[in-house]
């Protein structure tokens, strides 16, 4: 079945968002709440909570029931917990984005343009594969982000990116094929979505302001 996906994103505010934290922290599973409260940098906590808020808005947009207490955040594995839908969250370059898909696996990643160099890519794949990607016209950040999106779709860590082989519009992880769709919603970011099935239409992109998220969040939470 073809995938129809939506991206919901926002800029990370310069200051902690007390309203978001006060709203979401009590609603998250206890282990995740403690992990967020223990983060050293408030910007990391703000970005993580903003990702949850964007997932809530994505579910509201798609008419999907959302219960934050049912979310699961396994160590070094993909978060999950929605019935009949997969999602992927990424924060980098001052932005947080959440992609919501259907039942099939989906992975989303983005980075600021020129965030990665080929020396970074060589930490993920062999020198020969790095040279092949360069010869094929890939830029370092685009290759890095595409591999991140694929491992997120698979649900494994970036250390397994060495098993990925990229071509022009897809990536192969072991025996699995993932379609790659670029996302251009934020010009300063390089973004890819990896999906099991082709994306049949442009990915719907919706931008939010943090103050509007704070005002509307209660509508997205299951009773």
C-alpha atoms as a PDB file:
ATOM      1  CA  UNK A   1       0.000   0.000   0.000  1.00  0.00           C
ATOM      2  CA  UNK A   2       1.272   3.474  -0.897  1.00  0.00           C
ATOM      3  CA  UNK A   3       2.230   5.741   1.979  1.00  0.00           C
ATOM      4  CA  UNK A   4       0.682   9.130   2.684  1.00  0.00           C
ATOM      5  CA  UNK A   5       2.830  11.004   5.192  1.00  0.00           C
ATOM      6  CA  UNK A   6       2.707  14.312   7.021  1.00  0.00           C
ATOM      7  CA  UNK A   7       5.497  16.383   8.589  1.00  0.00           C
ATOM      8  CA  UNK A   8       4.778  18.620  11.564  1.00  0.00           C
ATOM      9  CA  UNK A   9       7.593  20.894  12.686  1.00  0.00           C
ATOM     10  CA  UNK A  10       8.561  23.916  14.767  1.00  0.00           C
ATOM     11  CA  UNK A  11      11.610  25.979  15.595  1.00  0.00           C
ATOM     12  CA  UNK A  12      13.107  25.251  19.008  1.00  0.00           C
ATOM     13  CA  UNK A  13      12.607  28.327  21.227  1.00  0.00           C
ATOM     14  CA  UNK A  14      15.653  30.048  22.674  1.00  0.00           C
ATOM     15  CA  UNK A  15      14.237  29.778  26.187  1.00  0.00           C
ATOM     16  CA  UNK A  16      12.701  26.762  27.966  1.00  0.00           C
ATOM     17  CA  UNK A  17       8.990  26.439  27.324  1.00  0.00           C
ATOM     18  CA  UNK A  18       7.531  26.124  30.796  1.00  0.00           C
ATOM     19  CA  UNK A  19       3.976  25.651  29.527  1.00  0.00           C
ATOM     20  CA  UNK A  20       4.921  22.684  27.353  1.00  0.00           C
ATOM     21  CA  UNK A  21       6.934  21.065  30.118  1.00  0.00           C
ATOM     22  CA  UNK A  22       4.187  21.553  32.704  1.00  0.00           C
ATOM     23  CA  UNK A  23       1.629  20.066  30.333  1.00  0.00           C
ATOM     24  CA  UNK A  24       3.542  17.078  28.951  1.00  0.00           C
ATOM     25  CA  UNK A  25       5.882  15.814  31.651  1.00  0.00           C
ATOM     26  CA  UNK A  26       3.119  14.503  33.957  1.00  0.00           C
ATOM     27  CA  UNK A  27       1.477  12.732  31.003  1.00  0.00           C
ATOM     28  CA  UNK A  28       4.540  10.771  29.863  1.00  0.00           C
ATOM     29  CA  UNK A  29       5.539   7.317  31.119  1.00  0.00           C
ATOM     30  CA  UNK A  30       7.462   7.650  34.408  1.00  0.00           C
ATOM     31  CA  UNK A  31      10.773   6.373  32.999  1.00  0.00           C
ATOM     32  CA  UNK A  32      10.689   8.846  30.108  1.00  0.00           C
ATOM     33  CA  UNK A  33       9.695  11.669  32.449  1.00  0.00           C
ATOM     34  CA  UNK A  34      12.649  10.962  34.723  1.00  0.00           C
ATOM     35  CA  UNK A  35      15.008  10.772  31.757  1.00  0.00           C
ATOM     36  CA  UNK A  36      13.890  14.182  30.501  1.00  0.00           C
ATOM     37  CA  UNK A  37      14.066  15.753  33.942  1.00  0.00           C
ATOM     38  CA  UNK A  38      17.614  14.467  34.264  1.00  0.00           C
ATOM     39  CA  UNK A  39      18.943  16.051  31.059  1.00  0.00           C
ATOM     40  CA  UNK A  40      21.792  18.461  31.746  1.00  0.00           C
ATOM     41  CA  UNK A  41      20.861  20.950  29.037  1.00  0.00           C
ATOM     42  CA  UNK A  42      17.411  22.517  29.103  1.00  0.00           C
ATOM     43  CA  UNK A  43      17.515  22.945  25.310  1.00  0.00           C
ATOM     44  CA  UNK A  44      17.615  19.153  24.891  1.00  0.00           C
ATOM     45  CA  UNK A  45      14.636  18.730  27.208  1.00  0.00           C
ATOM     46  CA  UNK A  46      12.713  21.463  25.372  1.00  0.00           C
ATOM     47  CA  UNK A  47      13.401  19.850  21.982  1.00  0.00           C
ATOM     48  CA  UNK A  48      12.349  16.408  23.225  1.00  0.00           C
ATOM     49  CA  UNK A  49       9.102  17.687  24.732  1.00  0.00           C
ATOM     50  CA  UNK A  50       8.419  19.721  21.610  1.00  0.00           C
ATOM     51  CA  UNK A  51       8.699  16.477  19.634  1.00  0.00           C
ATOM     52  CA  UNK A  52       5.941  14.952  21.772  1.00  0.00           C
ATOM     53  CA  UNK A  53       3.801  18.049  21.272  1.00  0.00           C
ATOM     54  CA  UNK A  54       4.259  17.808  17.514  1.00  0.00           C
ATOM     55  CA  UNK A  55       3.354  14.125  17.565  1.00  0.00           C
ATOM     56  CA  UNK A  56       0.142  15.091  19.344  1.00  0.00           C
ATOM     57  CA  UNK A  57      -0.653  17.645  16.646  1.00  0.00           C
ATOM     58  CA  UNK A  58       0.183  15.132  13.904  1.00  0.00           C
ATOM     59  CA  UNK A  59      -2.270  12.677  15.437  1.00  0.00           C
ATOM     60  CA  UNK A  60      -4.944  15.361  15.759  1.00  0.00           C
ATOM     61  CA  UNK A  61      -4.426  16.300  12.093  1.00  0.00           C
ATOM     62  CA  UNK A  62      -4.799  12.661  10.988  1.00  0.00           C
ATOM     63  CA  UNK A  63      -7.637  11.794  13.366  1.00  0.00           C
ATOM     64  CA  UNK A  64      -5.491   9.285  15.241  1.00  0.00           C
ATOM     65  CA  UNK A  65      -6.094   8.587  18.935  1.00  0.00           C
ATOM     66  CA  UNK A  66      -3.157   9.732  21.050  1.00  0.00           C
ATOM     67  CA  UNK A  67      -2.368   8.675  24.593  1.00  0.00           C
ATOM     68  CA  UNK A  68       1.091   9.927  25.665  1.00  0.00           C
ATOM     69  CA  UNK A  69       1.180   7.548  28.629  1.00  0.00           C
ATOM     70  CA  UNK A  70       1.089   4.606  26.185  1.00  0.00           C
ATOM     71  CA  UNK A  71       4.224   5.692  24.339  1.00  0.00           C
ATOM     72  CA  UNK A  72       7.251   3.457  24.750  1.00  0.00           C
ATOM     73  CA  UNK A  73      10.843   4.660  24.535  1.00  0.00           C
ATOM     74  CA  UNK A  74      13.117   1.589  24.540  1.00  0.00           C
ATOM     75  CA  UNK A  75      16.843   2.173  24.941  1.00  0.00           C
ATOM     76  CA  UNK A  76      18.643   2.451  21.582  1.00  0.00           C
ATOM     77  CA  UNK A  77      15.501   1.494  19.716  1.00  0.00           C
ATOM     78  CA  UNK A  78      12.662   3.296  18.033  1.00  0.00           C
ATOM     79  CA  UNK A  79       9.901   4.918  20.115  1.00  0.00           C
ATOM     80  CA  UNK A  80       6.450   3.494  19.441  1.00  0.00           C
ATOM     81  CA  UNK A  81       3.018   3.244  20.962  1.00  0.00           C
ATOM     82  CA  UNK A  82       0.468   4.416  18.395  1.00  0.00           C
ATOM     83  CA  UNK A  83      -2.118   1.889  17.228  1.00  0.00           C
ATOM     84  CA  UNK A  84      -1.953   1.379  13.468  1.00  0.00           C
ATOM     85  CA  UNK A  85       0.534   4.183  12.802  1.00  0.00           C
ATOM     86  CA  UNK A  86       4.272   4.659  12.874  1.00  0.00           C
ATOM     87  CA  UNK A  87       6.083   7.915  13.550  1.00  0.00           C
ATOM     88  CA  UNK A  88       9.585   9.341  13.597  1.00  0.00           C
ATOM     89  CA  UNK A  89      10.924  12.450  15.345  1.00  0.00           C
ATOM     90  CA  UNK A  90      14.140  14.358  14.688  1.00  0.00           C
ATOM     91  CA  UNK A  91      15.612  17.539  16.122  1.00  0.00           C
ATOM     92  CA  UNK A  92      18.648  19.310  14.667  1.00  0.00           C
ATOM     93  CA  UNK A  93      19.657  22.683  13.324  1.00  0.00           C
ATOM     94  CA  UNK A  94      17.274  24.523  15.641  1.00  0.00           C
ATOM     95  CA  UNK A  95      14.170  22.636  14.484  1.00  0.00           C
ATOM     96  CA  UNK A  96      12.113  19.677  15.639  1.00  0.00           C
ATOM     97  CA  UNK A  97      10.054  17.645  13.186  1.00  0.00           C
ATOM     98  CA  UNK A  98       7.685  14.699  13.494  1.00  0.00           C
ATOM     99  CA  UNK A  99       6.596  12.545  10.563  1.00  0.00           C
ATOM    100  CA  UNK A 100       3.440  10.468  10.957  1.00  0.00           C
ATOM    101  CA  UNK A 101       2.749   7.558   8.632  1.00  0.00           C
ATOM    102  CA  UNK A 102       0.535   4.516   8.452  1.00  0.00           C
ATOM    103  CA  UNK A 103       1.134   1.017   9.744  1.00  0.00           C
ATOM    104  CA  UNK A 104       4.377   0.510   7.798  1.00  0.00           C
ATOM    105  CA  UNK A 105       7.711   1.623   9.204  1.00  0.00           C
ATOM    106  CA  UNK A 106       8.800   5.192   8.571  1.00  0.00           C
ATOM    107  CA  UNK A 107      12.003   7.036   9.441  1.00  0.00           C
ATOM    108  CA  UNK A 108      12.691  10.762   9.393  1.00  0.00           C
ATOM    109  CA  UNK A 109      15.886  12.684   9.902  1.00  0.00           C
ATOM    110  CA  UNK A 110      17.204  16.149   9.172  1.00  0.00           C
ATOM    111  CA  UNK A 111      20.308  18.209   9.774  1.00  0.00           C
ATOM    112  CA  UNK A 112      21.426  21.733   8.990  1.00  0.00           C
ATOM    113  CA  UNK A 113      22.987  22.009   5.540  1.00  0.00           C
ATOM    114  CA  UNK A 114      26.711  21.200   5.534  1.00  0.00           C
ATOM    115  CA  UNK A 115      26.421  19.787   9.075  1.00  0.00           C
ATOM    116  CA  UNK A 116      28.300  16.625   8.060  1.00  0.00           C
ATOM    117  CA  UNK A 117      31.540  16.137   6.186  1.00  0.00           C
ATOM    118  CA  UNK A 118      32.791  13.069   4.335  1.00  0.00           C
ATOM    119  CA  UNK A 119      35.070  12.314   7.263  1.00  0.00           C
ATOM    120  CA  UNK A 120      31.895  11.884   9.344  1.00  0.00           C
ATOM    121  CA  UNK A 121      30.370   9.548   6.759  1.00  0.00           C
ATOM    122  CA  UNK A 122      33.507   7.392   6.871  1.00  0.00           C
ATOM    123  CA  UNK A 123      32.678   6.622  10.489  1.00  0.00           C
ATOM    124  CA  UNK A 124      29.475   4.958   9.255  1.00  0.00           C
ATOM    125  CA  UNK A 125      30.490   3.188   6.046  1.00  0.00           C
ATOM    126  CA  UNK A 126      33.665   1.879   4.437  1.00  0.00           C
ATOM    127  CA  UNK A 127      36.076   4.146   2.520  1.00  0.00           C
ATOM    128  CA  UNK A 128      35.062   2.366  -0.693  1.00  0.00           C
ATOM    129  CA  UNK A 129      31.370   3.054  -0.052  1.00  0.00           C
ATOM    130  CA  UNK A 130      32.169   6.672   0.816  1.00  0.00           C
ATOM    131  CA  UNK A 131      33.991   7.068  -2.501  1.00  0.00           C
ATOM    132  CA  UNK A 132      31.076   5.455  -4.343  1.00  0.00           C
ATOM    133  CA  UNK A 133      28.601   7.871  -2.771  1.00  0.00           C
ATOM    134  CA  UNK A 134      30.745  10.873  -3.669  1.00  0.00           C
ATOM    135  CA  UNK A 135      31.102   9.653  -7.253  1.00  0.00           C
ATOM    136  CA  UNK A 136      27.335   9.146  -7.457  1.00  0.00           C
ATOM    137  CA  UNK A 137      26.762  12.815  -6.608  1.00  0.00           C
ATOM    138  CA  UNK A 138      25.717  12.527  -2.978  1.00  0.00           C
ATOM    139  CA  UNK A 139      26.657  15.333  -0.613  1.00  0.00           C
ATOM    140  CA  UNK A 140      27.966  14.351   2.790  1.00  0.00           C
ATOM    141  CA  UNK A 141      25.059  15.713   4.847  1.00  0.00           C
ATOM    142  CA  UNK A 142      22.456  14.235   2.488  1.00  0.00           C
ATOM    143  CA  UNK A 143      24.081  10.803   2.702  1.00  0.00           C
ATOM    144  CA  UNK A 144      24.333  10.979   6.488  1.00  0.00           C
ATOM    145  CA  UNK A 145      20.688  12.057   6.867  1.00  0.00           C
ATOM    146  CA  UNK A 146      19.429   9.397   4.434  1.00  0.00           C
ATOM    147  CA  UNK A 147      21.204   6.674   6.408  1.00  0.00           C
ATOM    148  CA  UNK A 148      19.850   8.069   9.682  1.00  0.00           C
ATOM    149  CA  UNK A 149      16.332   8.003   8.251  1.00  0.00           C
ATOM    150  CA  UNK A 150      16.742   4.371   7.187  1.00  0.00           C
ATOM    151  CA  UNK A 151      18.053   3.125  10.531  1.00  0.00           C
ATOM    152  CA  UNK A 152      15.189   4.964  12.228  1.00  0.00           C
ATOM    153  CA  UNK A 153      12.715   3.191   9.939  1.00  0.00           C
ATOM    154  CA  UNK A 154      14.352  -0.138  10.754  1.00  0.00           C
ATOM    155  CA  UNK A 155      14.490   0.671  14.460  1.00  0.00           C
ATOM    156  CA  UNK A 156      18.224   0.164  15.005  1.00  0.00           C
ATOM    157  CA  UNK A 157      21.110   2.434  15.934  1.00  0.00           C
ATOM    158  CA  UNK A 158      23.256   4.491  13.577  1.00  0.00           C
ATOM    159  CA  UNK A 159      26.165   2.134  14.247  1.00  0.00           C
ATOM    160  CA  UNK A 160      24.462  -0.299  11.845  1.00  0.00           C
ATOM    161  CA  UNK A 161      24.568   2.156   8.949  1.00  0.00           C
ATOM    162  CA  UNK A 162      27.427   0.157   7.472  1.00  0.00           C
ATOM    163  CA  UNK A 163      24.796  -2.334   6.278  1.00  0.00           C
ATOM    164  CA  UNK A 164      23.092   0.360   4.157  1.00  0.00           C
ATOM    165  CA  UNK A 165      23.636   0.885   0.453  1.00  0.00           C
ATOM    166  CA  UNK A 166      22.163   4.067  -1.014  1.00  0.00           C
ATOM    167  CA  UNK A 167      21.098   4.641  -4.594  1.00  0.00           C
ATOM    168  CA  UNK A 168      19.368   7.621  -6.197  1.00  0.00           C
ATOM    169  CA  UNK A 169      15.922   7.171  -4.655  1.00  0.00           C
ATOM    170  CA  UNK A 170      16.156   4.330  -2.177  1.00  0.00           C
ATOM    171  CA  UNK A 171      18.331   2.647   0.378  1.00  0.00           C
ATOM    172  CA  UNK A 172      18.866  -1.015   1.081  1.00  0.00           C
ATOM    173  CA  UNK A 173      19.405  -2.333   4.590  1.00  0.00           C
ATOM    174  CA  UNK A 174      20.400  -5.978   4.471  1.00  0.00           C
ATOM    175  CA  UNK A 175      17.541  -7.486   2.413  1.00  0.00           C
ATOM    176  CA  UNK A 176      15.061  -4.644   2.924  1.00  0.00           C
ATOM    177  CA  UNK A 177      14.387  -1.754   0.548  1.00  0.00           C
ATOM    178  CA  UNK A 178      13.372   1.690   1.786  1.00  0.00           C
ATOM    179  CA  UNK A 179      12.153   4.462  -0.479  1.00  0.00           C
ATOM    180  CA  UNK A 180      13.743   7.847   0.153  1.00  0.00           C
ATOM    181  CA  UNK A 181      11.730  11.048  -0.173  1.00  0.00           C
ATOM    182  CA  UNK A 182      13.375  14.459   0.259  1.00  0.00           C
ATOM    183  CA  UNK A 183      11.615  17.089   2.363  1.00  0.00           C
ATOM    184  CA  UNK A 184      12.196  20.758   1.526  1.00  0.00           C
ATOM    185  CA  UNK A 185       9.895  22.462   4.028  1.00  0.00           C
ATOM    186  CA  UNK A 186      12.784  24.232   5.796  1.00  0.00           C
ATOM    187  CA  UNK A 187      15.395  25.591   3.353  1.00  0.00           C
ATOM    188  CA  UNK A 188      18.168  25.529   5.959  1.00  0.00           C
ATOM    189  CA  UNK A 189      17.709  21.790   6.579  1.00  0.00           C
ATOM    190  CA  UNK A 190      18.583  18.656   4.623  1.00  0.00           C
ATOM    191  CA  UNK A 191      15.782  16.173   5.278  1.00  0.00           C
ATOM    192  CA  UNK A 192      14.852  12.666   4.157  1.00  0.00           C
ATOM    193  CA  UNK A 193      11.971  10.345   4.901  1.00  0.00           C
ATOM    194  CA  UNK A 194      12.533   6.599   4.554  1.00  0.00           C
ATOM    195  CA  UNK A 195       9.449   4.455   3.978  1.00  0.00           C
ATOM    196  CA  UNK A 196       8.650   0.856   3.119  1.00  0.00           C
ATOM    197  CA  UNK A 197       6.285   1.896   0.337  1.00  0.00           C
ATOM    198  CA  UNK A 198       6.554   4.797  -2.132  1.00  0.00           C
ATOM    199  CA  UNK A 199       5.136   8.160  -1.111  1.00  0.00           C
ATOM    200  CA  UNK A 200       2.429   8.819  -3.685  1.00  0.00           C
ATOM    201  CA  UNK A 201       2.015  12.562  -3.136  1.00  0.00           C
ATOM    202  CA  UNK A 202       4.008  15.415  -1.709  1.00  0.00           C
ATOM    203  CA  UNK A 203       4.491  15.043   2.022  1.00  0.00           C
ATOM    204  CA  UNK A 204       2.135  17.456   3.770  1.00  0.00           C
ATOM    205  CA  UNK A 205       4.227  19.894   5.827  1.00  0.00           C
ATOM    206  CA  UNK A 206       2.765  21.952   8.655  1.00  0.00           C
ATOM    207  CA  UNK A 207       4.695  24.504  10.698  1.00  0.00           C
ATOM    208  CA  UNK A 208       3.706  25.454  14.243  1.00  0.00           C
ATOM    209  CA  UNK A 209       4.566  28.192  16.684  1.00  0.00           C
ATOM    210  CA  UNK A 210       5.343  27.107  20.212  1.00  0.00           C
ATOM    211  CA  UNK A 211       2.727  29.450  21.680  1.00  0.00           C
ATOM    212  CA  UNK A 212       0.012  27.946  19.477  1.00  0.00           C
ATOM    213  CA  UNK A 213       1.074  24.451  20.523  1.00  0.00           C
ATOM    214  CA  UNK A 214       0.820  25.443  24.160  1.00  0.00           C
ATOM    215  CA  UNK A 215      -2.678  26.818  23.627  1.00  0.00           C
ATOM    216  CA  UNK A 216      -4.060  23.842  21.691  1.00  0.00           C
ATOM    217  CA  UNK A 217      -2.420  20.790  23.212  1.00  0.00           C
ATOM    218  CA  UNK A 218      -5.227  19.774  25.531  1.00  0.00           C
ATOM    219  CA  UNK A 219      -7.455  19.115  22.522  1.00  0.00           C
ATOM    220  CA  UNK A 220      -5.093  16.394  21.260  1.00  0.00           C
ATOM    221  CA  UNK A 221      -4.891  14.281  24.401  1.00  0.00           C
ATOM    222  CA  UNK A 222      -7.182  11.277  24.745  1.00  0.00           C
ATOM    223  CA  UNK A 223      -9.563  11.499  27.640  1.00  0.00           C
END
